[in-house]
Amino acid sequence: MSILSLRLPDSLHKKVKDFSREEGISINQFITSAVSEKISAFATYDYLEMRAKRADKKKFKKALSRIPDVEPQEYDKL
């Protein structure tokens, strides 16, 4: 485990303190969770970008052609 010294604006610190208190967790847990979520978002973006580079329009159209042309179920209509 690492120790990190972090400077936050007072207004942000107050919000972190308030939210962590509401959730019944420590400020450290709150910040750890927030950093984890942000890292996950970046990793997801990188993953999708990598997958997009491997995309093949011909294969995509072939996959779409296999979908039957039928009316959607009532619960699935806009």
PDB file of N, CA and C in Angstrom:
ATOM      1  N   MET A   1       0.854  -1.173   0.000  1.00  0.00           N
ATOM      2  CA  MET A   1       0.000   0.000   0.000  1.00  0.00           C
ATOM      3  C   MET A   1       0.895   1.230   0.000  1.00  0.00           C
ATOM      4  N   SER A   2       0.478   2.262  -0.710  1.00  0.00           N
ATOM      5  CA  SER A   2       1.253   3.497  -0.802  1.00  0.00           C
ATOM      6  C   SER A   2       0.538   4.627  -0.081  1.00  0.00           C
ATOM      7  N   ILE A   3       1.323   5.586   0.339  1.00  0.00           N
ATOM      8  CA  ILE A   3       0.777   6.793   0.957  1.00  0.00           C
ATOM      9  C   ILE A   3       0.900   7.909  -0.060  1.00  0.00           C
ATOM     10  N   LEU A   4      -0.180   8.673  -0.204  1.00  0.00           N
ATOM     11  CA  LEU A   4      -0.208   9.745  -1.179  1.00  0.00           C
ATOM     12  C   LEU A   4      -0.671  11.018  -0.491  1.00  0.00           C
ATOM     13  N   SER A   5       0.100  12.066  -0.633  1.00  0.00           N
ATOM     14  CA  SER A   5      -0.299  13.361  -0.109  1.00  0.00           C
ATOM     15  C   SER A   5      -1.043  14.091  -1.222  1.00  0.00           C
ATOM     16  N   LEU A   6      -2.234  14.550  -0.913  1.00  0.00           N
ATOM     17  CA  LEU A   6      -3.093  15.128  -1.944  1.00  0.00           C
ATOM     18  C   LEU A   6      -3.613  16.479  -1.497  1.00  0.00           C
ATOM     19  N   ARG A   7      -3.525  17.452  -2.368  1.00  0.00           N
ATOM     20  CA  ARG A   7      -4.077  18.776  -2.077  1.00  0.00           C
ATOM     21  C   ARG A   7      -5.402  18.911  -2.833  1.00  0.00           C
ATOM     22  N   LEU A   8      -6.448  19.247  -2.099  1.00  0.00           N
ATOM     23  CA  LEU A   8      -7.771  19.445  -2.686  1.00  0.00           C
ATOM     24  C   LEU A   8      -8.276  20.831  -2.327  1.00  0.00           C
ATOM     25  N   PRO A   9      -9.021  21.449  -3.215  1.00  0.00           N
ATOM     26  CA  PRO A   9      -9.689  22.697  -2.828  1.00  0.00           C
ATOM     27  C   PRO A   9     -10.649  22.401  -1.661  1.00  0.00           C
ATOM     28  N   ASP A  10     -10.816  23.366  -0.781  1.00  0.00           N
ATOM     29  CA  ASP A  10     -11.666  23.164   0.396  1.00  0.00           C
ATOM     30  C   ASP A  10     -13.074  22.700   0.014  1.00  0.00           C
ATOM     31  N   SER A  11     -13.622  23.274  -1.056  1.00  0.00           N
ATOM     32  CA  SER A  11     -14.991  22.906  -1.449  1.00  0.00           C
ATOM     33  C   SER A  11     -15.074  21.436  -1.865  1.00  0.00           C
ATOM     34  N   LEU A  12     -14.059  20.955  -2.569  1.00  0.00           N
ATOM     35  CA  LEU A  12     -14.037  19.564  -2.987  1.00  0.00           C
ATOM     36  C   LEU A  12     -13.824  18.637  -1.796  1.00  0.00           C
ATOM     37  N   HIS A  13     -12.961  19.038  -0.894  1.00  0.00           N
ATOM     38  CA  HIS A  13     -12.721  18.250   0.314  1.00  0.00           C
ATOM     39  C   HIS A  13     -14.009  18.110   1.126  1.00  0.00           C
ATOM     40  N   LYS A  14     -14.755  19.188   1.239  1.00  0.00           N
ATOM     41  CA  LYS A  14     -16.018  19.139   1.985  1.00  0.00           C
ATOM     42  C   LYS A  14     -16.992  18.161   1.333  1.00  0.00           C
ATOM     43  N   LYS A  15     -17.084  18.197   0.006  1.00  0.00           N
ATOM     44  CA  LYS A  15     -17.991  17.274  -0.693  1.00  0.00           C
ATOM     45  C   LYS A  15     -17.561  15.835  -0.502  1.00  0.00           C
ATOM     46  N   VAL A  16     -16.252  15.574  -0.591  1.00  0.00           N
ATOM     47  CA  VAL A  16     -15.747  14.219  -0.377  1.00  0.00           C
ATOM     48  C   VAL A  16     -16.091  13.766   1.037  1.00  0.00           C
ATOM     49  N   LYS A  17     -15.868  14.641   2.007  1.00  0.00           N
ATOM     50  CA  LYS A  17     -16.169  14.314   3.397  1.00  0.00           C
ATOM     51  C   LYS A  17     -17.658  14.026   3.577  1.00  0.00           C
ATOM     52  N   ASP A  18     -18.509  14.874   2.992  1.00  0.00           N
ATOM     53  CA  ASP A  18     -19.963  14.699   3.119  1.00  0.00           C
ATOM     54  C   ASP A  18     -20.432  13.400   2.464  1.00  0.00           C
ATOM     55  N   PHE A  19     -19.980  13.146   1.229  1.00  0.00           N
ATOM     56  CA  PHE A  19     -20.403  11.923   0.530  1.00  0.00           C
ATOM     57  C   PHE A  19     -19.906  10.667   1.235  1.00  0.00           C
ATOM     58  N   SER A  20     -18.667  10.695   1.699  1.00  0.00           N
ATOM     59  CA  SER A  20     -18.145   9.505   2.379  1.00  0.00           C
ATOM     60  C   SER A  20     -18.900   9.261   3.683  1.00  0.00           C
ATOM     61  N   ARG A  21     -19.253  10.318   4.387  1.00  0.00           N
ATOM     62  CA  ARG A  21     -20.038  10.168   5.615  1.00  0.00           C
ATOM     63  C   ARG A  21     -21.412   9.575   5.287  1.00  0.00           C
ATOM     64  N   GLU A  22     -22.059  10.087   4.232  1.00  0.00           N
ATOM     65  CA  GLU A  22     -23.370   9.561   3.824  1.00  0.00           C
ATOM     66  C   GLU A  22     -23.298   8.074   3.480  1.00  0.00           C
ATOM     67  N   GLU A  23     -22.201   7.663   2.845  1.00  0.00           N
ATOM     68  CA  GLU A  23     -22.036   6.275   2.432  1.00  0.00           C
ATOM     69  C   GLU A  23     -21.518   5.390   3.563  1.00  0.00           C
ATOM     70  N   GLY A  24     -21.106   6.002   4.653  1.00  0.00           N
ATOM     71  CA  GLY A  24     -20.595   5.238   5.781  1.00  0.00           C
ATOM     72  C   GLY A  24     -19.218   4.641   5.516  1.00  0.00           C
ATOM     73  N   ILE A  25     -18.409   5.355   4.718  1.00  0.00           N
ATOM     74  CA  ILE A  25     -17.057   4.885   4.419  1.00  0.00           C
ATOM     75  C   ILE A  25     -16.066   5.995   4.734  1.00  0.00           C
ATOM     76  N   SER A  26     -14.806   5.625   4.805  1.00  0.00           N
ATOM     77  CA  SER A  26     -13.775   6.629   5.069  1.00  0.00           C
ATOM     78  C   SER A  26     -13.503   7.449   3.814  1.00  0.00           C
ATOM     79  N   ILE A  27     -12.876   8.585   4.029  1.00  0.00           N
ATOM     80  CA  ILE A  27     -12.476   9.415   2.901  1.00  0.00           C
ATOM     81  C   ILE A  27     -11.501   8.646   2.016  1.00  0.00           C
ATOM     82  N   ASN A  28     -10.591   7.893   2.640  1.00  0.00           N
ATOM     83  CA  ASN A  28      -9.646   7.077   1.864  1.00  0.00           C
ATOM     84  C   ASN A  28     -10.385   6.080   0.972  1.00  0.00           C
ATOM     85  N   GLN A  29     -11.408   5.416   1.510  1.00  0.00           N
ATOM     86  CA  GLN A  29     -12.183   4.460   0.710  1.00  0.00           C
ATOM     87  C   GLN A  29     -12.893   5.173  -0.431  1.00  0.00           C
ATOM     88  N   PHE A  30     -13.451   6.342  -0.142  1.00  0.00           N
ATOM     89  CA  PHE A  30     -14.157   7.103  -1.171  1.00  0.00           C
ATOM     90  C   PHE A  30     -13.209   7.477  -2.313  1.00  0.00           C
ATOM     91  N   ILE A  31     -12.046   8.008  -1.967  1.00  0.00           N
ATOM     92  CA  ILE A  31     -11.090   8.438  -2.991  1.00  0.00           C
ATOM     93  C   ILE A  31     -10.555   7.224  -3.754  1.00  0.00           C
ATOM     94  N   THR A  32     -10.285   6.121  -3.060  1.00  0.00           N
ATOM     95  CA  THR A  32      -9.835   4.898  -3.722  1.00  0.00           C
ATOM     96  C   THR A  32     -10.865   4.424  -4.730  1.00  0.00           C
ATOM     97  N   SER A  33     -12.131   4.457  -4.346  1.00  0.00           N
ATOM     98  CA  SER A  33     -13.209   4.049  -5.245  1.00  0.00           C
ATOM     99  C   SER A  33     -13.304   4.987  -6.446  1.00  0.00           C
ATOM    100  N   ALA A  34     -13.186   6.288  -6.209  1.00  0.00           N
ATOM    101  CA  ALA A  34     -13.275   7.266  -7.293  1.00  0.00           C
ATOM    102  C   ALA A  34     -12.118   7.085  -8.279  1.00  0.00           C
ATOM    103  N   VAL A  35     -10.916   6.863  -7.767  1.00  0.00           N
ATOM    104  CA  VAL A  35      -9.759   6.657  -8.637  1.00  0.00           C
ATOM    105  C   VAL A  35      -9.934   5.362  -9.424  1.00  0.00           C
ATOM    106  N   SER A  36     -10.433   4.318  -8.772  1.00  0.00           N
ATOM    107  CA  SER A  36     -10.667   3.035  -9.455  1.00  0.00           C
ATOM    108  C   SER A  36     -11.661   3.193 -10.593  1.00  0.00           C
ATOM    109  N   GLU A  37     -12.735   3.933 -10.345  1.00  0.00           N
ATOM    110  CA  GLU A  37     -13.736   4.165 -11.386  1.00  0.00           C
ATOM    111  C   GLU A  37     -13.133   4.916 -12.574  1.00  0.00           C
ATOM    112  N   LYS A  38     -12.314   5.908 -12.301  1.00  0.00           N
ATOM    113  CA  LYS A  38     -11.704   6.691 -13.374  1.00  0.00           C
ATOM    114  C   LYS A  38     -10.728   5.837 -14.178  1.00  0.00           C
ATOM    115  N   ILE A  39      -9.934   5.027 -13.496  1.00  0.00           N
ATOM    116  CA  ILE A  39      -9.005   4.131 -14.189  1.00  0.00           C
ATOM    117  C   ILE A  39      -9.781   3.145 -15.052  1.00  0.00           C
ATOM    118  N   SER A  40     -10.882   2.633 -14.534  1.00  0.00           N
ATOM    119  CA  SER A  40     -11.721   1.713 -15.295  1.00  0.00           C
ATOM    120  C   SER A  40     -12.269   2.384 -16.550  1.00  0.00           C
ATOM    121  N   ALA A  41     -12.675   3.637 -16.427  1.00  0.00           N
ATOM    122  CA  ALA A  41     -13.190   4.375 -17.587  1.00  0.00           C
ATOM    123  C   ALA A  41     -12.103   4.539 -18.644  1.00  0.00           C
ATOM    124  N   PHE A  42     -10.899   4.898 -18.225  1.00  0.00           N
ATOM    125  CA  PHE A  42      -9.783   5.037 -19.177  1.00  0.00           C
ATOM    126  C   PHE A  42      -9.463   3.699 -19.823  1.00  0.00           C
ATOM    127  N   ALA A  43      -9.431   2.629 -19.024  1.00  0.00           N
ATOM    128  CA  ALA A  43      -9.109   1.302 -19.555  1.00  0.00           C
ATOM    129  C   ALA A  43     -10.180   0.860 -20.556  1.00  0.00           C
ATOM    130  N   THR A  44     -11.438   1.154 -20.268  1.00  0.00           N
ATOM    131  CA  THR A  44     -12.522   0.805 -21.179  1.00  0.00           C
ATOM    132  C   THR A  44     -12.370   1.564 -22.488  1.00  0.00           C
ATOM    133  N   TYR A  45     -12.048   2.837 -22.411  1.00  0.00           N
ATOM    134  CA  TYR A  45     -11.839   3.650 -23.612  1.00  0.00           C
ATOM    135  C   TYR A  45     -10.707   3.052 -24.457  1.00  0.00           C
ATOM    136  N   ASP A  46      -9.604   2.726 -23.797  1.00  0.00           N
ATOM    137  CA  ASP A  46      -8.461   2.139 -24.514  1.00  0.00           C
ATOM    138  C   ASP A  46      -8.846   0.814 -25.169  1.00  0.00           C
ATOM    139  N   TYR A  47      -9.607  -0.008 -24.436  1.00  0.00           N
ATOM    140  CA  TYR A  47     -10.037  -1.304 -24.967  1.00  0.00           C
ATOM    141  C   TYR A  47     -10.927  -1.121 -26.199  1.00  0.00           C
ATOM    142  N   LEU A  48     -11.904  -0.214 -26.101  1.00  0.00           N
ATOM    143  CA  LEU A  48     -12.812   0.018 -27.226  1.00  0.00           C
ATOM    144  C   LEU A  48     -12.073   0.611 -28.424  1.00  0.00           C
ATOM    145  N   GLU A  49     -11.107   1.466 -28.155  1.00  0.00           N
ATOM    146  CA  GLU A  49     -10.307   2.040 -29.236  1.00  0.00           C
ATOM    147  C   GLU A  49      -9.510   0.943 -29.945  1.00  0.00           C
ATOM    148  N   MET A  50      -8.929   0.016 -29.183  1.00  0.00           N
ATOM    149  CA  MET A  50      -8.173  -1.089 -29.750  1.00  0.00           C
ATOM    150  C   MET A  50      -9.090  -1.995 -30.573  1.00  0.00           C
ATOM    151  N   ARG A  51     -10.290  -2.268 -30.052  1.00  0.00           N
ATOM    152  CA  ARG A  51     -11.241  -3.110 -30.788  1.00  0.00           C
ATOM    153  C   ARG A  51     -11.710  -2.428 -32.062  1.00  0.00           C
ATOM    154  N   ALA A  52     -11.900  -1.116 -32.007  1.00  0.00           N
ATOM    155  CA  ALA A  52     -12.345  -0.382 -33.194  1.00  0.00           C
ATOM    156  C   ALA A  52     -11.302  -0.458 -34.309  1.00  0.00           C
ATOM    157  N   LYS A  53     -10.038  -0.467 -33.941  1.00  0.00           N
ATOM    158  CA  LYS A  53      -8.978  -0.559 -34.943  1.00  0.00           C
ATOM    159  C   LYS A  53      -8.997  -1.919 -35.640  1.00  0.00           C
ATOM    160  N   ARG A  54      -9.504  -2.941 -34.950  1.00  0.00           N
ATOM    161  CA  ARG A  54      -9.568  -4.276 -35.527  1.00  0.00           C
ATOM    162  C   ARG A  54     -10.868  -4.511 -36.301  1.00  0.00           C
ATOM    163  N   ALA A  55     -11.746  -3.516 -36.296  1.00  0.00           N
ATOM    164  CA  ALA A  55     -13.060  -3.677 -36.920  1.00  0.00           C
ATOM    165  C   ALA A  55     -12.933  -3.963 -38.413  1.00  0.00           C
ATOM    166  N   ASP A  56     -13.905  -4.709 -38.906  1.00  0.00           N
ATOM    167  CA  ASP A  56     -13.935  -5.061 -40.321  1.00  0.00           C
ATOM    168  C   ASP A  56     -15.357  -4.804 -40.812  1.00  0.00           C
ATOM    169  N   LYS A  57     -15.524  -3.811 -41.666  1.00  0.00           N
ATOM    170  CA  LYS A  57     -16.850  -3.417 -42.138  1.00  0.00           C
ATOM    171  C   LYS A  57     -17.564  -4.561 -42.862  1.00  0.00           C
ATOM    172  N   LYS A  58     -16.828  -5.336 -43.616  1.00  0.00           N
ATOM    173  CA  LYS A  58     -17.423  -6.457 -44.353  1.00  0.00           C
ATOM    174  C   LYS A  58     -17.991  -7.504 -43.380  1.00  0.00           C
ATOM    175  N   LYS A  59     -17.219  -7.820 -42.345  1.00  0.00           N
ATOM    176  CA  LYS A  59     -17.699  -8.788 -41.348  1.00  0.00           C
ATOM    177  C   LYS A  59     -18.903  -8.239 -40.585  1.00  0.00           C
ATOM    178  N   PHE A  60     -18.878  -6.931 -40.310  1.00  0.00           N
ATOM    179  CA  PHE A  60     -19.986  -6.295 -39.612  1.00  0.00           C
ATOM    180  C   PHE A  60     -21.267  -6.395 -40.438  1.00  0.00           C
ATOM    181  N   LYS A  61     -21.174  -6.067 -41.717  1.00  0.00           N
ATOM    182  CA  LYS A  61     -22.347  -6.149 -42.588  1.00  0.00           C
ATOM    183  C   LYS A  61     -22.839  -7.583 -42.721  1.00  0.00           C
ATOM    184  N   LYS A  62     -21.920  -8.539 -42.753  1.00  0.00           N
ATOM    185  CA  LYS A  62     -22.309  -9.948 -42.821  1.00  0.00           C
ATOM    186  C   LYS A  62     -23.079 -10.348 -41.562  1.00  0.00           C
ATOM    187  N   ALA A  63     -22.598  -9.909 -40.404  1.00  0.00           N
ATOM    188  CA  ALA A  63     -23.284 -10.213 -39.145  1.00  0.00           C
ATOM    189  C   ALA A  63     -24.672  -9.574 -39.130  1.00  0.00           C
ATOM    190  N   LEU A  64     -24.773  -8.327 -39.605  1.00  0.00           N
ATOM    191  CA  LEU A  64     -26.073  -7.648 -39.646  1.00  0.00           C
ATOM    192  C   LEU A  64     -27.041  -8.349 -40.593  1.00  0.00           C
ATOM    193  N   SER A  65     -26.519  -8.925 -41.650  1.00  0.00           N
ATOM    194  CA  SER A  65     -27.396  -9.593 -42.624  1.00  0.00           C
ATOM    195  C   SER A  65     -28.058 -10.839 -42.037  1.00  0.00           C
ATOM    196  N   ARG A  66     -27.529 -11.352 -40.963  1.00  0.00           N
ATOM    197  CA  ARG A  66     -28.090 -12.546 -40.323  1.00  0.00           C
ATOM    198  C   ARG A  66     -29.266 -12.226 -39.401  1.00  0.00           C
ATOM    199  N   ILE A  67     -29.477 -10.949 -39.136  1.00  0.00           N
ATOM    200  CA  ILE A  67     -30.566 -10.548 -38.243  1.00  0.00           C
ATOM    201  C   ILE A  67     -31.864 -10.548 -39.036  1.00  0.00           C
ATOM    202  N   PRO A  68     -32.874 -11.291 -38.563  1.00  0.00           N
ATOM    203  CA  PRO A  68     -34.131 -11.338 -39.306  1.00  0.00           C
ATOM    204  C   PRO A  68     -34.822  -9.971 -39.344  1.00  0.00           C
ATOM    205  N   ASP A  69     -35.485  -9.692 -40.447  1.00  0.00           N
ATOM    206  CA  ASP A  69     -36.198  -8.432 -40.625  1.00  0.00           C
ATOM    207  C   ASP A  69     -37.633  -8.625 -40.136  1.00  0.00           C
ATOM    208  N   VAL A  70     -37.825  -8.471 -38.828  1.00  0.00           N
ATOM    209  CA  VAL A  70     -39.140  -8.658 -38.214  1.00  0.00           C
ATOM    210  C   VAL A  70     -39.459  -7.456 -37.331  1.00  0.00           C
ATOM    211  N   GLU A  71     -40.726  -7.279 -37.076  1.00  0.00           N
ATOM    212  CA  GLU A  71     -41.169  -6.213 -36.179  1.00  0.00           C
ATOM    213  C   GLU A  71     -40.692  -6.521 -34.758  1.00  0.00           C
ATOM    214  N   PRO A  72     -40.279  -5.497 -34.007  1.00  0.00           N
ATOM    215  CA  PRO A  72     -39.867  -5.741 -32.619  1.00  0.00           C
ATOM    216  C   PRO A  72     -41.078  -6.107 -31.758  1.00  0.00           C
ATOM    217  N   GLN A  73     -40.801  -6.783 -30.653  1.00  0.00           N
ATOM    218  CA  GLN A  73     -41.857  -7.109 -29.699  1.00  0.00           C
ATOM    219  C   GLN A  73     -42.457  -5.794 -29.180  1.00  0.00           C
ATOM    220  N   GLU A  74     -43.684  -5.822 -28.717  1.00  0.00           N
ATOM    221  CA  GLU A  74     -44.381  -4.629 -28.254  1.00  0.00           C
ATOM    222  C   GLU A  74     -43.588  -3.893 -27.165  1.00  0.00           C
ATOM    223  N   TYR A  75     -42.999  -4.656 -26.232  1.00  0.00           N
ATOM    224  CA  TYR A  75     -42.254  -4.038 -25.128  1.00  0.00           C
ATOM    225  C   TYR A  75     -40.949  -3.387 -25.590  1.00  0.00           C
ATOM    226  N   ASP A  76     -40.523  -3.682 -26.809  1.00  0.00           N
ATOM    227  CA  ASP A  76     -39.241  -3.193 -27.309  1.00  0.00           C
ATOM    228  C   ASP A  76     -39.399  -2.049 -28.309  1.00  0.00           C
ATOM    229  N   LYS A  77     -40.620  -1.589 -28.521  1.00  0.00           N
ATOM    230  CA  LYS A  77     -40.848  -0.480 -29.448  1.00  0.00           C
ATOM    231  C   LYS A  77     -40.664   0.850 -28.752  1.00  0.00           C
ATOM    232  N   LEU A  78     -40.248   1.846 -29.535  1.00  0.00           N
ATOM    233  CA  LEU A  78     -40.089   3.194 -28.989  1.00  0.00           C
ATOM    234  C   LEU A  78     -41.419   3.886 -28.864  1.00  0.00           C
TER     235      LEU A  78
END
